[in-house]
PDB file of N, CA and C in Angstrom:
ATOM      1  N   MET A   1       0.840  -1.181   0.000  1.00  0.00           N
ATOM      2  CA  MET A   1       0.000   0.000   0.000  1.00  0.00           C
ATOM      3  C   MET A   1       0.887   1.247   0.000  1.00  0.00           C
ATOM      4  N   GLN A   2       0.507   2.216  -0.794  1.00  0.00           N
ATOM      5  CA  GLN A   2       1.301   3.425  -0.943  1.00  0.00           C
ATOM      6  C   GLN A   2       1.067   4.378   0.230  1.00  0.00           C
ATOM      7  N   ASN A   3       2.130   5.066   0.612  1.00  0.00           N
ATOM      8  CA  ASN A   3       2.058   6.041   1.693  1.00  0.00           C
ATOM      9  C   ASN A   3       1.126   7.191   1.276  1.00  0.00           C
ATOM     10  N   PRO A   4       0.225   7.626   2.158  1.00  0.00           N
ATOM     11  CA  PRO A   4      -0.688   8.715   1.784  1.00  0.00           C
ATOM     12  C   PRO A   4       0.031  10.026   1.475  1.00  0.00           C
ATOM     13  N   LEU A   5       1.194  10.253   2.053  1.00  0.00           N
ATOM     14  CA  LEU A   5       1.926  11.486   1.759  1.00  0.00           C
ATOM     15  C   LEU A   5       2.507  11.465   0.349  1.00  0.00           C
ATOM     16  N   ALA A   6       2.732  10.280  -0.206  1.00  0.00           N
ATOM     17  CA  ALA A   6       3.290  10.184  -1.557  1.00  0.00           C
ATOM     18  C   ALA A   6       2.272  10.605  -2.609  1.00  0.00           C
ATOM     19  N   ARG A   7       0.995  10.596  -2.260  1.00  0.00           N
ATOM     20  CA  ARG A   7      -0.050  10.978  -3.213  1.00  0.00           C
ATOM     21  C   ARG A   7      -0.312  12.480  -3.247  1.00  0.00           C
ATOM     22  N   VAL A   8       0.382  13.239  -2.434  1.00  0.00           N
ATOM     23  CA  VAL A   8       0.186  14.686  -2.393  1.00  0.00           C
ATOM     24  C   VAL A   8       0.655  15.285  -3.716  1.00  0.00           C
ATOM     25  N   GLY A   9      -0.159  16.160  -4.280  1.00  0.00           N
ATOM     26  CA  GLY A   9       0.213  16.821  -5.525  1.00  0.00           C
ATOM     27  C   GLY A   9       1.405  17.740  -5.342  1.00  0.00           C
ATOM     28  N   ASN A  10       2.108  17.987  -6.417  1.00  0.00           N
ATOM     29  CA  ASN A  10       3.330  18.796  -6.359  1.00  0.00           C
ATOM     30  C   ASN A  10       2.980  20.276  -6.487  1.00  0.00           C
ATOM     31  N   SER A  11       2.428  20.850  -5.416  1.00  0.00           N
ATOM     32  CA  SER A  11       2.119  22.276  -5.421  1.00  0.00           C
ATOM     33  C   SER A  11       2.612  22.912  -4.122  1.00  0.00           C
ATOM     34  N   VAL A  12       2.914  24.187  -4.224  1.00  0.00           N
ATOM     35  CA  VAL A  12       3.411  24.928  -3.069  1.00  0.00           C
ATOM     36  C   VAL A  12       2.339  25.004  -1.980  1.00  0.00           C
ATOM     37  N   PHE A  13       1.080  25.139  -2.383  1.00  0.00           N
ATOM     38  CA  PHE A  13       0.004  25.258  -1.393  1.00  0.00           C
ATOM     39  C   PHE A  13      -0.213  23.954  -0.624  1.00  0.00           C
ATOM     40  N   ALA A  14       0.002  22.824  -1.277  1.00  0.00           N
ATOM     41  CA  ALA A  14      -0.079  21.544  -0.573  1.00  0.00           C
ATOM     42  C   ALA A  14       1.025  21.458   0.477  1.00  0.00           C
ATOM     43  N   GLY A  15       2.223  21.886   0.116  1.00  0.00           N
ATOM     44  CA  GLY A  15       3.331  21.886   1.077  1.00  0.00           C
ATOM     45  C   GLY A  15       3.107  22.865   2.214  1.00  0.00           C
ATOM     46  N   LEU A  16       2.541  24.024   1.881  1.00  0.00           N
ATOM     47  CA  LEU A  16       2.242  25.006   2.919  1.00  0.00           C
ATOM     48  C   LEU A  16       1.198  24.457   3.884  1.00  0.00           C
ATOM     49  N   GLY A  17       0.201  23.787   3.352  1.00  0.00           N
ATOM     50  CA  GLY A  17      -0.829  23.191   4.207  1.00  0.00           C
ATOM     51  C   GLY A  17      -0.265  22.108   5.107  1.00  0.00           C
ATOM     52  N   LEU A  18       0.541  21.210   4.540  1.00  0.00           N
ATOM     53  CA  LEU A  18       1.157  20.161   5.355  1.00  0.00           C
ATOM     54  C   LEU A  18       2.116  20.747   6.382  1.00  0.00           C
ATOM     55  N   GLY A  19       2.890  21.741   5.961  1.00  0.00           N
ATOM     56  CA  GLY A  19       3.863  22.357   6.862  1.00  0.00           C
ATOM     57  C   GLY A  19       3.227  23.142   7.988  1.00  0.00           C
ATOM     58  N   MET A  20       1.995  23.576   7.806  1.00  0.00           N
ATOM     59  CA  MET A  20       1.288  24.272   8.880  1.00  0.00           C
ATOM     60  C   MET A  20       0.481  23.293   9.749  1.00  0.00           C
ATOM     61  N   LEU A  21      -0.093  22.275   9.120  1.00  0.00           N
ATOM     62  CA  LEU A  21      -1.000  21.363   9.823  1.00  0.00           C
ATOM     63  C   LEU A  21      -0.267  20.417  10.776  1.00  0.00           C
ATOM     64  N   ILE A  22       0.735  19.727  10.282  1.00  0.00           N
ATOM     65  CA  ILE A  22       1.395  18.700  11.099  1.00  0.00           C
ATOM     66  C   ILE A  22       2.088  19.308  12.321  1.00  0.00           C
ATOM     67  N   PRO A  23       2.906  20.356  12.172  1.00  0.00           N
ATOM     68  CA  PRO A  23       3.469  20.961  13.389  1.00  0.00           C
ATOM     69  C   PRO A  23       2.402  21.618  14.263  1.00  0.00           C
ATOM     70  N   GLY A  24       1.321  22.110  13.666  1.00  0.00           N
ATOM     71  CA  GLY A  24       0.245  22.709  14.450  1.00  0.00           C
ATOM     72  C   GLY A  24      -0.393  21.713  15.400  1.00  0.00           C
ATOM     73  N   VAL A  25      -0.637  20.506  14.903  1.00  0.00           N
ATOM     74  CA  VAL A  25      -1.203  19.454  15.752  1.00  0.00           C
ATOM     75  C   VAL A  25      -0.214  19.075  16.855  1.00  0.00           C
ATOM     76  N   LEU A  26       1.058  18.937  16.481  1.00  0.00           N
ATOM     77  CA  LEU A  26       2.074  18.600  17.485  1.00  0.00           C
ATOM     78  C   LEU A  26       2.244  19.716  18.515  1.00  0.00           C
ATOM     79  N   LEU A  27       2.164  20.959  18.070  1.00  0.00           N
ATOM     80  CA  LEU A  27       2.275  22.079  19.001  1.00  0.00           C
ATOM     81  C   LEU A  27       1.101  22.126  19.973  1.00  0.00           C
ATOM     82  N   CYS A  28      -0.086  21.801  19.490  1.00  0.00           N
ATOM     83  CA  CYS A  28      -1.246  21.756  20.392  1.00  0.00           C
ATOM     84  C   CYS A  28      -1.055  20.696  21.467  1.00  0.00           C
ATOM     85  N   ALA A  29      -0.546  19.531  21.067  1.00  0.00           N
ATOM     86  CA  ALA A  29      -0.288  18.471  22.045  1.00  0.00           C
ATOM     87  C   ALA A  29       0.804  18.890  23.031  1.00  0.00           C
ATOM     88  N   ALA A  30       1.863  19.511  22.534  1.00  0.00           N
ATOM     89  CA  ALA A  30       2.950  19.954  23.413  1.00  0.00           C
ATOM     90  C   ALA A  30       2.470  21.048  24.357  1.00  0.00           C
ATOM     91  N   TRP A  31       1.660  21.969  23.842  1.00  0.00           N
ATOM     92  CA  TRP A  31       1.124  23.055  24.677  1.00  0.00           C
ATOM     93  C   TRP A  31       0.280  22.476  25.813  1.00  0.00           C
ATOM     94  N   TYR A  32      -0.537  21.472  25.494  1.00  0.00           N
ATOM     95  CA  TYR A  32      -1.362  20.817  26.507  1.00  0.00           C
ATOM     96  C   TYR A  32      -0.475  20.164  27.566  1.00  0.00           C
ATOM     97  N   LEU A  33       0.545  19.437  27.123  1.00  0.00           N
ATOM     98  CA  LEU A  33       1.439  18.768  28.068  1.00  0.00           C
ATOM     99  C   LEU A  33       2.211  19.771  28.921  1.00  0.00           C
ATOM    100  N   MET A  34       2.595  20.894  28.338  1.00  0.00           N
ATOM    101  CA  MET A  34       3.328  21.908  29.089  1.00  0.00           C
ATOM    102  C   MET A  34       2.480  22.527  30.189  1.00  0.00           C
ATOM    103  N   HIS A  35       1.176  22.559  29.996  1.00  0.00           N
ATOM    104  CA  HIS A  35       0.305  23.129  31.008  1.00  0.00           C
ATOM    105  C   HIS A  35      -0.223  22.092  31.999  1.00  0.00           C
ATOM    106  N   GLN A  36      -0.035  20.820  31.716  1.00  0.00           N
ATOM    107  CA  GLN A  36      -0.468  19.768  32.626  1.00  0.00           C
ATOM    108  C   GLN A  36       0.632  19.327  33.581  1.00  0.00           C
ATOM    109  N   PHE A  37       1.874  19.401  33.130  1.00  0.00           N
ATOM    110  CA  PHE A  37       3.000  18.932  33.935  1.00  0.00           C
ATOM    111  C   PHE A  37       3.935  20.107  34.222  1.00  0.00           C
ATOM    112  N   ALA A  38       4.194  20.330  35.497  1.00  0.00           N
ATOM    113  CA  ALA A  38       4.973  21.499  35.915  1.00  0.00           C
ATOM    114  C   ALA A  38       6.415  21.451  35.404  1.00  0.00           C
ATOM    115  N   PHE A  39       7.002  20.258  35.295  1.00  0.00           N
ATOM    116  CA  PHE A  39       8.400  20.183  34.868  1.00  0.00           C
ATOM    117  C   PHE A  39       8.559  20.492  33.376  1.00  0.00           C
ATOM    118  N   LEU A  40       7.481  20.538  32.625  1.00  0.00           N
ATOM    119  CA  LEU A  40       7.543  20.903  31.209  1.00  0.00           C
ATOM    120  C   LEU A  40       7.159  22.361  30.951  1.00  0.00           C
ATOM    121  N   ALA A  41       6.938  23.117  32.006  1.00  0.00           N
ATOM    122  CA  ALA A  41       6.436  24.486  31.847  1.00  0.00           C
ATOM    123  C   ALA A  41       7.403  25.379  31.075  1.00  0.00           C
ATOM    124  N   LYS A  42       8.685  25.173  31.216  1.00  0.00           N
ATOM    125  CA  LYS A  42       9.676  26.002  30.532  1.00  0.00           C
ATOM    126  C   LYS A  42      10.410  25.228  29.437  1.00  0.00           C
ATOM    127  N   ALA A  43       9.798  24.200  28.913  1.00  0.00           N
ATOM    128  CA  ALA A  43      10.439  23.344  27.908  1.00  0.00           C
ATOM    129  C   ALA A  43      10.208  23.891  26.509  1.00  0.00           C
ATOM    130  N   ASP A  44      10.876  24.983  26.188  1.00  0.00           N
ATOM    131  CA  ASP A  44      10.730  25.582  24.872  1.00  0.00           C
ATOM    132  C   ASP A  44      11.344  24.719  23.778  1.00  0.00           C
ATOM    133  N   LEU A  45      12.290  23.881  24.147  1.00  0.00           N
ATOM    134  CA  LEU A  45      12.883  22.977  23.171  1.00  0.00           C
ATOM    135  C   LEU A  45      11.840  21.992  22.631  1.00  0.00           C
ATOM    136  N   LEU A  46      10.846  21.693  23.427  1.00  0.00           N
ATOM    137  CA  LEU A  46       9.749  20.841  22.978  1.00  0.00           C
ATOM    138  C   LEU A  46       8.974  21.511  21.844  1.00  0.00           C
ATOM    139  N   LEU A  47       8.766  22.805  21.943  1.00  0.00           N
ATOM    140  CA  LEU A  47       8.086  23.544  20.879  1.00  0.00           C
ATOM    141  C   LEU A  47       8.946  23.611  19.616  1.00  0.00           C
ATOM    142  N   ILE A  48      10.234  23.799  19.787  1.00  0.00           N
ATOM    143  CA  ILE A  48      11.136  23.837  18.640  1.00  0.00           C
ATOM    144  C   ILE A  48      11.165  22.478  17.953  1.00  0.00           C
ATOM    145  N   GLY A  49      11.106  21.410  18.721  1.00  0.00           N
ATOM    146  CA  GLY A  49      11.076  20.065  18.155  1.00  0.00           C
ATOM    147  C   GLY A  49       9.837  19.824  17.311  1.00  0.00           C
ATOM    148  N   CYS A  50       8.720  20.396  17.725  1.00  0.00           N
ATOM    149  CA  CYS A  50       7.487  20.258  16.940  1.00  0.00           C
ATOM    150  C   CYS A  50       7.624  20.939  15.585  1.00  0.00           C
ATOM    151  N   ILE A  51       8.299  22.050  15.557  1.00  0.00           N
ATOM    152  CA  ILE A  51       8.512  22.767  14.306  1.00  0.00           C
ATOM    153  C   ILE A  51       9.563  22.042  13.460  1.00  0.00           C
ATOM    154  N   ALA A  52      10.539  21.411  14.106  1.00  0.00           N
ATOM    155  CA  ALA A  52      11.614  20.721  13.393  1.00  0.00           C
ATOM    156  C   ALA A  52      11.124  19.487  12.652  1.00  0.00           C
ATOM    157  N   VAL A  53       9.923  19.029  12.933  1.00  0.00           N
ATOM    158  CA  VAL A  53       9.346  17.907  12.191  1.00  0.00           C
ATOM    159  C   VAL A  53       9.264  18.253  10.706  1.00  0.00           C
ATOM    160  N   ASN A  54       9.167  19.525  10.400  1.00  0.00           N
ATOM    161  CA  ASN A  54       9.123  19.949   8.996  1.00  0.00           C
ATOM    162  C   ASN A  54      10.400  19.571   8.259  1.00  0.00           C
ATOM    163  N   ALA A  55      11.524  19.460   8.942  1.00  0.00           N
ATOM    164  CA  ALA A  55      12.766  19.049   8.281  1.00  0.00           C
ATOM    165  C   ALA A  55      12.658  17.612   7.782  1.00  0.00           C
ATOM    166  N   VAL A  56      12.007  16.766   8.545  1.00  0.00           N
ATOM    167  CA  VAL A  56      11.794  15.383   8.118  1.00  0.00           C
ATOM    168  C   VAL A  56      10.861  15.342   6.912  1.00  0.00           C
ATOM    169  N   LEU A  57       9.796  16.130   6.975  1.00  0.00           N
ATOM    170  CA  LEU A  57       8.878  16.205   5.840  1.00  0.00           C
ATOM    171  C   LEU A  57       9.588  16.732   4.594  1.00  0.00           C
ATOM    172  N   LEU A  58      10.405  17.734   4.769  1.00  0.00           N
ATOM    173  CA  LEU A  58      11.132  18.333   3.657  1.00  0.00           C
ATOM    174  C   LEU A  58      12.042  17.302   2.996  1.00  0.00           C
ATOM    175  N   HIS A  59      12.762  16.560   3.793  1.00  0.00           N
ATOM    176  CA  HIS A  59      13.656  15.526   3.266  1.00  0.00           C
ATOM    177  C   HIS A  59      12.865  14.464   2.501  1.00  0.00           C
ATOM    178  N   TYR A  60      11.734  14.063   3.036  1.00  0.00           N
ATOM    179  CA  TYR A  60      10.904  13.038   2.397  1.00  0.00           C
ATOM    180  C   TYR A  60      10.409  13.498   1.024  1.00  0.00           C
ATOM    181  N   PHE A  61       9.918  14.722   0.946  1.00  0.00           N
ATOM    182  CA  PHE A  61       9.382  15.204  -0.321  1.00  0.00           C
ATOM    183  C   PHE A  61      10.475  15.519  -1.338  1.00  0.00           C
ATOM    184  N   PHE A  62      11.642  15.913  -0.883  1.00  0.00           N
ATOM    185  CA  PHE A  62      12.737  16.100  -1.826  1.00  0.00           C
ATOM    186  C   PHE A  62      13.199  14.761  -2.394  1.00  0.00           C
ATOM    187  N   LYS A  63      13.115  13.692  -1.597  1.00  0.00           N
ATOM    188  CA  LYS A  63      13.443  12.363  -2.111  1.00  0.00           C
ATOM    189  C   LYS A  63      12.451  11.926  -3.186  1.00  0.00           C
ATOM    190  N   LEU A  64      11.205  12.369  -3.079  1.00  0.00           N
ATOM    191  CA  LEU A  64      10.172  12.046  -4.065  1.00  0.00           C
ATOM    192  C   LEU A  64      10.198  12.994  -5.264  1.00  0.00           C
ATOM    193  N   ASN A  65      11.168  13.902  -5.303  1.00  0.00           N
ATOM    194  CA  ASN A  65      11.292  14.909  -6.369  1.00  0.00           C
ATOM    195  C   ASN A  65      10.063  15.805  -6.470  1.00  0.00           C
ATOM    196  N   LYS A  66       9.537  16.189  -5.340  1.00  0.00           N
ATOM    197  CA  LYS A  66       8.417  17.133  -5.284  1.00  0.00           C
ATOM    198  C   LYS A  66       8.933  18.429  -4.667  1.00  0.00           C
ATOM    199  N   GLU A  67       9.652  19.189  -5.488  1.00  0.00           N
ATOM    200  CA  GLU A  67      10.310  20.398  -5.001  1.00  0.00           C
ATOM    201  C   GLU A  67       9.326  21.484  -4.609  1.00  0.00           C
ATOM    202  N   ASN A  68       8.193  21.573  -5.295  1.00  0.00           N
ATOM    203  CA  ASN A  68       7.217  22.612  -4.958  1.00  0.00           C
ATOM    204  C   ASN A  68       6.603  22.367  -3.580  1.00  0.00           C
ATOM    205  N   VAL A  69       6.368  21.113  -3.240  1.00  0.00           N
ATOM    206  CA  VAL A  69       5.874  20.798  -1.896  1.00  0.00           C
ATOM    207  C   VAL A  69       6.937  21.195  -0.865  1.00  0.00           C
ATOM    208  N   GLY A  70       8.192  20.919  -1.187  1.00  0.00           N
ATOM    209  CA  GLY A  70       9.285  21.305  -0.292  1.00  0.00           C
ATOM    210  C   GLY A  70       9.361  22.804  -0.084  1.00  0.00           C
ATOM    211  N   ARG A  71       9.107  23.561  -1.132  1.00  0.00           N
ATOM    212  CA  ARG A  71       9.103  25.025  -0.991  1.00  0.00           C
ATOM    213  C   ARG A  71       7.987  25.487  -0.063  1.00  0.00           C
ATOM    214  N   GLY A  72       6.843  24.860  -0.163  1.00  0.00           N
ATOM    215  CA  GLY A  72       5.743  25.197   0.740  1.00  0.00           C
ATOM    216  C   GLY A  72       6.060  24.855   2.178  1.00  0.00           C
ATOM    217  N   ILE A  73       6.735  23.722   2.387  1.00  0.00           N
ATOM    218  CA  ILE A  73       7.110  23.315   3.739  1.00  0.00           C
ATOM    219  C   ILE A  73       8.134  24.286   4.324  1.00  0.00           C
ATOM    220  N   ILE A  74       9.082  24.719   3.500  1.00  0.00           N
ATOM    221  CA  ILE A  74      10.064  25.718   3.960  1.00  0.00           C
ATOM    222  C   ILE A  74       9.362  27.014   4.367  1.00  0.00           C
ATOM    223  N   SER A  75       8.390  27.432   3.562  1.00  0.00           N
ATOM    224  CA  SER A  75       7.640  28.653   3.884  1.00  0.00           C
ATOM    225  C   SER A  75       6.908  28.504   5.205  1.00  0.00           C
ATOM    226  N   ALA A  76       6.279  27.364   5.410  1.00  0.00           N
ATOM    227  CA  ALA A  76       5.561  27.122   6.663  1.00  0.00           C
ATOM    228  C   ALA A  76       6.522  27.090   7.849  1.00  0.00           C
ATOM    229  N   THR A  77       7.702  26.551   7.643  1.00  0.00           N
ATOM    230  CA  THR A  77       8.695  26.509   8.718  1.00  0.00           C
ATOM    231  C   THR A  77       9.093  27.914   9.144  1.00  0.00           C
ATOM    232  N   PHE A  78       9.279  28.810   8.175  1.00  0.00           N
ATOM    233  CA  PHE A  78       9.603  30.195   8.516  1.00  0.00           C
ATOM    234  C   PHE A  78       8.442  30.879   9.241  1.00  0.00           C
ATOM    235  N   ILE A  79       7.229  30.590   8.838  1.00  0.00           N
ATOM    236  CA  ILE A  79       6.063  31.167   9.528  1.00  0.00           C
ATOM    237  C   ILE A  79       6.025  30.698  10.976  1.00  0.00           C
ATOM    238  N   TRP A  80       6.218  29.384  11.183  1.00  0.00           N
ATOM    239  CA  TRP A  80       6.225  28.862  12.552  1.00  0.00           C
ATOM    240  C   TRP A  80       7.392  29.433  13.354  1.00  0.00           C
ATOM    241  N   ALA A  81       8.547  29.604  12.712  1.00  0.00           N
ATOM    242  CA  ALA A  81       9.708  30.157  13.430  1.00  0.00           C
ATOM    243  C   ALA A  81       9.450  31.595  13.864  1.00  0.00           C
ATOM    244  N   PHE A  82       8.828  32.395  12.994  1.00  0.00           N
ATOM    245  CA  PHE A  82       8.489  33.767  13.380  1.00  0.00           C
ATOM    246  C   PHE A  82       7.455  33.776  14.503  1.00  0.00           C
ATOM    247  N   ALA A  83       6.502  32.867  14.463  1.00  0.00           N
ATOM    248  CA  ALA A  83       5.499  32.783  15.533  1.00  0.00           C
ATOM    249  C   ALA A  83       6.173  32.433  16.862  1.00  0.00           C
ATOM    250  N   PHE A  84       7.117  31.492  16.831  1.00  0.00           N
ATOM    251  CA  PHE A  84       7.839  31.132  18.045  1.00  0.00           C
ATOM    252  C   PHE A  84       8.682  32.307  18.542  1.00  0.00           C
ATOM    253  N   PHE A  85       9.300  33.045  17.633  1.00  0.00           N
ATOM    254  CA  PHE A  85      10.097  34.207  17.995  1.00  0.00           C
ATOM    255  C   PHE A  85       9.243  35.250  18.698  1.00  0.00           C
ATOM    256  N   PHE A  86       8.082  35.550  18.161  1.00  0.00           N
ATOM    257  CA  PHE A  86       7.211  36.534  18.797  1.00  0.00           C
ATOM    258  C   PHE A  86       6.632  36.022  20.117  1.00  0.00           C
ATOM    259  N   TYR A  87       6.418  34.708  20.203  1.00  0.00           N
ATOM    260  CA  TYR A  87       5.983  34.118  21.472  1.00  0.00           C
ATOM    261  C   TYR A  87       7.049  34.336  22.545  1.00  0.00           C
ATOM    262  N   LYS A  88       8.316  34.115  22.193  1.00  0.00           N
ATOM    263  CA  LYS A  88       9.386  34.274  23.164  1.00  0.00           C
ATOM    264  C   LYS A  88       9.603  35.738  23.547  1.00  0.00           C
ATOM    265  N   ILE A  89       9.411  36.646  22.593  1.00  0.00           N
ATOM    266  CA  ILE A  89       9.557  38.072  22.918  1.00  0.00           C
ATOM    267  C   ILE A  89       8.479  38.527  23.874  1.00  0.00           C
ATOM    268  N   ASN A  90       7.261  38.076  23.681  1.00  0.00           N
ATOM    269  CA  ASN A  90       6.127  38.514  24.504  1.00  0.00           C
ATOM    270  C   ASN A  90       6.007  37.745  25.817  1.00  0.00           C
ATOM    271  N   GLN A  91       6.818  36.766  26.025  1.00  0.00           N
ATOM    272  CA  GLN A  91       6.712  35.939  27.230  1.00  0.00           C
ATOM    273  C   GLN A  91       7.313  36.626  28.417  1.00  0.00           C
TER     274      GLN A  91
END
């Protein structure tokens, strides 16, 4: 059976959607865990790890020769990085 990610069309918007959705779900889970357990309250590296998942996605799509999806994932990574930067400034 073929991997569902391999069926993604080669468009920048598909990559942008994947790059925003997958880390977004992971960030929601990490945010929940950070507020439930006191020892994770200052674990900003956990948030960075959620965003770093995009590097794995990027590598996978470049192996499939879907460069436009990779460009969308890179764009989403920069958006998440700026969001994390502003979160840290306002904290």
